[in-house]
Amino acid sequence: MPAFTSTPLTISWTSTGGTKAYLGVDTTDAQAEPFESVNPDSGSNQDIDYQCYDSHTYTLTVVGSDGSTASKTVTVSNIGDH
């Protein structure tokens, strides 16, 4: 089996009207299962070191002033270390 290569992962976003925002891993509701709280307006998380052979989902959930939520989920796959 080839040597495992850790890959830095950056997730960036822009939103308007949010009062809170959360980044979640392997969830579709980052508010319910947050990895961490993040800036609701815009930001970039560069602290994720992708060290997995498997695919994982990353979700950003933004909470509005009325409590409504909007989420976006992406799936990241490691295709180089199999």
C-alpha atoms as a PDB file:
ATOM      1  CA  MET A   1       0.000   0.000   0.000  1.00  0.00           C
ATOM      2  CA  PRO A   2       1.377   3.460  -0.865  1.00  0.00           C
ATOM      3  CA  ALA A   3       2.381   5.885   1.853  1.00  0.00           C
ATOM      4  CA  PHE A   4      -0.463   8.039   3.145  1.00  0.00           C
ATOM      5  CA  THR A   5      -0.334  11.703   2.203  1.00  0.00           C
ATOM      6  CA  SER A   6      -2.063  14.268   4.408  1.00  0.00           C
ATOM      7  CA  THR A   7      -3.696  17.037   2.401  1.00  0.00           C
ATOM      8  CA  PRO A   8      -4.547  20.526   3.680  1.00  0.00           C
ATOM      9  CA  LEU A   9      -8.203  21.358   3.079  1.00  0.00           C
ATOM     10  CA  THR A  10      -9.539  24.915   2.830  1.00  0.00           C
ATOM     11  CA  ILE A  11     -13.244  25.673   2.987  1.00  0.00           C
ATOM     12  CA  SER A  12     -14.328  29.217   2.107  1.00  0.00           C
ATOM     13  CA  TRP A  13     -17.761  30.867   2.167  1.00  0.00           C
ATOM     14  CA  THR A  14     -19.672  34.103   1.819  1.00  0.00           C
ATOM     15  CA  SER A  15     -23.172  34.746   3.176  1.00  0.00           C
ATOM     16  CA  THR A  16     -25.324  37.701   4.200  1.00  0.00           C
ATOM     17  CA  GLY A  17     -27.810  38.203   7.013  1.00  0.00           C
ATOM     18  CA  GLY A  18     -26.541  35.437   9.265  1.00  0.00           C
ATOM     19  CA  THR A  19     -26.106  35.836  13.005  1.00  0.00           C
ATOM     20  CA  LYS A  20     -24.296  32.547  13.633  1.00  0.00           C
ATOM     21  CA  ALA A  21     -22.590  29.942  11.482  1.00  0.00           C
ATOM     22  CA  TYR A  22     -21.194  26.475  12.060  1.00  0.00           C
ATOM     23  CA  LEU A  23     -18.952  24.089  10.164  1.00  0.00           C
ATOM     24  CA  GLY A  24     -19.724  20.400  10.578  1.00  0.00           C
ATOM     25  CA  VAL A  25     -18.045  17.182   9.478  1.00  0.00           C
ATOM     26  CA  ASP A  26     -20.105  14.161   8.365  1.00  0.00           C
ATOM     27  CA  THR A  27     -23.413  15.879   9.128  1.00  0.00           C
ATOM     28  CA  THR A  28     -25.985  17.768   7.078  1.00  0.00           C
ATOM     29  CA  ASP A  29     -26.823  20.051  10.033  1.00  0.00           C
ATOM     30  CA  ALA A  30     -23.697  21.752  11.352  1.00  0.00           C
ATOM     31  CA  GLN A  31     -25.724  23.687  13.948  1.00  0.00           C
ATOM     32  CA  ALA A  32     -26.806  20.427  15.591  1.00  0.00           C
ATOM     33  CA  GLU A  33     -23.389  18.761  15.267  1.00  0.00           C
ATOM     34  CA  PRO A  34     -20.752  21.501  14.915  1.00  0.00           C
ATOM     35  CA  PHE A  35     -17.061  20.914  14.346  1.00  0.00           C
ATOM     36  CA  GLU A  36     -16.645  24.594  15.193  1.00  0.00           C
ATOM     37  CA  SER A  37     -18.376  27.981  15.166  1.00  0.00           C
ATOM     38  CA  VAL A  38     -17.294  30.251  12.308  1.00  0.00           C
ATOM     39  CA  ASN A  39     -17.875  33.809  11.039  1.00  0.00           C
ATOM     40  CA  PRO A  40     -21.445  33.988   9.632  1.00  0.00           C
ATOM     41  CA  ASP A  41     -20.658  36.621   6.972  1.00  0.00           C
ATOM     42  CA  SER A  42     -17.656  35.173   5.224  1.00  0.00           C
ATOM     43  CA  GLY A  43     -14.568  33.289   6.025  1.00  0.00           C
ATOM     44  CA  SER A  44     -12.119  30.581   5.276  1.00  0.00           C
ATOM     45  CA  ASN A  45     -11.152  27.607   7.383  1.00  0.00           C
ATOM     46  CA  GLN A  46      -7.639  26.460   6.590  1.00  0.00           C
ATOM     47  CA  ASP A  47      -7.130  24.445   9.765  1.00  0.00           C
ATOM     48  CA  ILE A  48      -8.520  21.206   8.379  1.00  0.00           C
ATOM     49  CA  ASP A  49      -5.842  18.633   7.671  1.00  0.00           C
ATOM     50  CA  TYR A  50      -7.543  15.956   5.566  1.00  0.00           C
ATOM     51  CA  GLN A  51      -5.981  12.712   6.800  1.00  0.00           C
ATOM     52  CA  CYS A  52      -8.501  10.137   5.626  1.00  0.00           C
ATOM     53  CA  TYR A  53      -8.683   7.387   3.071  1.00  0.00           C
ATOM     54  CA  ASP A  54     -12.481   7.684   3.005  1.00  0.00           C
ATOM     55  CA  SER A  55     -14.850  10.386   1.754  1.00  0.00           C
ATOM     56  CA  HIS A  56     -16.251  12.900   4.234  1.00  0.00           C
ATOM     57  CA  THR A  57     -18.936  15.564   4.014  1.00  0.00           C
ATOM     58  CA  TYR A  58     -18.417  19.133   5.207  1.00  0.00           C
ATOM     59  CA  THR A  59     -21.446  21.315   5.917  1.00  0.00           C
ATOM     60  CA  LEU A  60     -21.725  25.039   6.569  1.00  0.00           C
ATOM     61  CA  THR A  61     -24.954  26.013   8.342  1.00  0.00           C
ATOM     62  CA  VAL A  62     -25.816  29.710   8.683  1.00  0.00           C
ATOM     63  CA  VAL A  63     -28.502  30.814  11.164  1.00  0.00           C
ATOM     64  CA  GLY A  64     -30.570  33.927  10.405  1.00  0.00           C
ATOM     65  CA  SER A  65     -31.843  36.468  12.942  1.00  0.00           C
ATOM     66  CA  ASP A  66     -35.259  34.775  12.846  1.00  0.00           C
ATOM     67  CA  GLY A  67     -33.748  31.352  13.610  1.00  0.00           C
ATOM     68  CA  SER A  68     -34.050  30.048  10.062  1.00  0.00           C
ATOM     69  CA  THR A  69     -31.120  28.056   8.706  1.00  0.00           C
ATOM     70  CA  ALA A  70     -29.435  27.563   5.352  1.00  0.00           C
ATOM     71  CA  SER A  71     -26.885  24.828   4.767  1.00  0.00           C
ATOM     72  CA  LYS A  72     -24.499  23.809   2.020  1.00  0.00           C
ATOM     73  CA  THR A  73     -22.778  20.424   2.017  1.00  0.00           C
ATOM     74  CA  VAL A  74     -19.800  19.246  -0.038  1.00  0.00           C
ATOM     75  CA  THR A  75     -18.168  15.841  -0.174  1.00  0.00           C
ATOM     76  CA  VAL A  76     -14.397  15.479  -0.204  1.00  0.00           C
ATOM     77  CA  SER A  77     -12.790  12.258  -1.427  1.00  0.00           C
ATOM     78  CA  ASN A  78      -9.182  11.134  -1.203  1.00  0.00           C
ATOM     79  CA  ILE A  79      -8.454   9.619  -4.601  1.00  0.00           C
ATOM     80  CA  GLY A  80      -4.668   9.570  -4.359  1.00  0.00           C
ATOM     81  CA  ASP A  81      -3.851   7.209  -1.468  1.00  0.00           C
ATOM     82  CA  HIS A  82      -5.689   4.006  -2.384  1.00  0.00           C
END
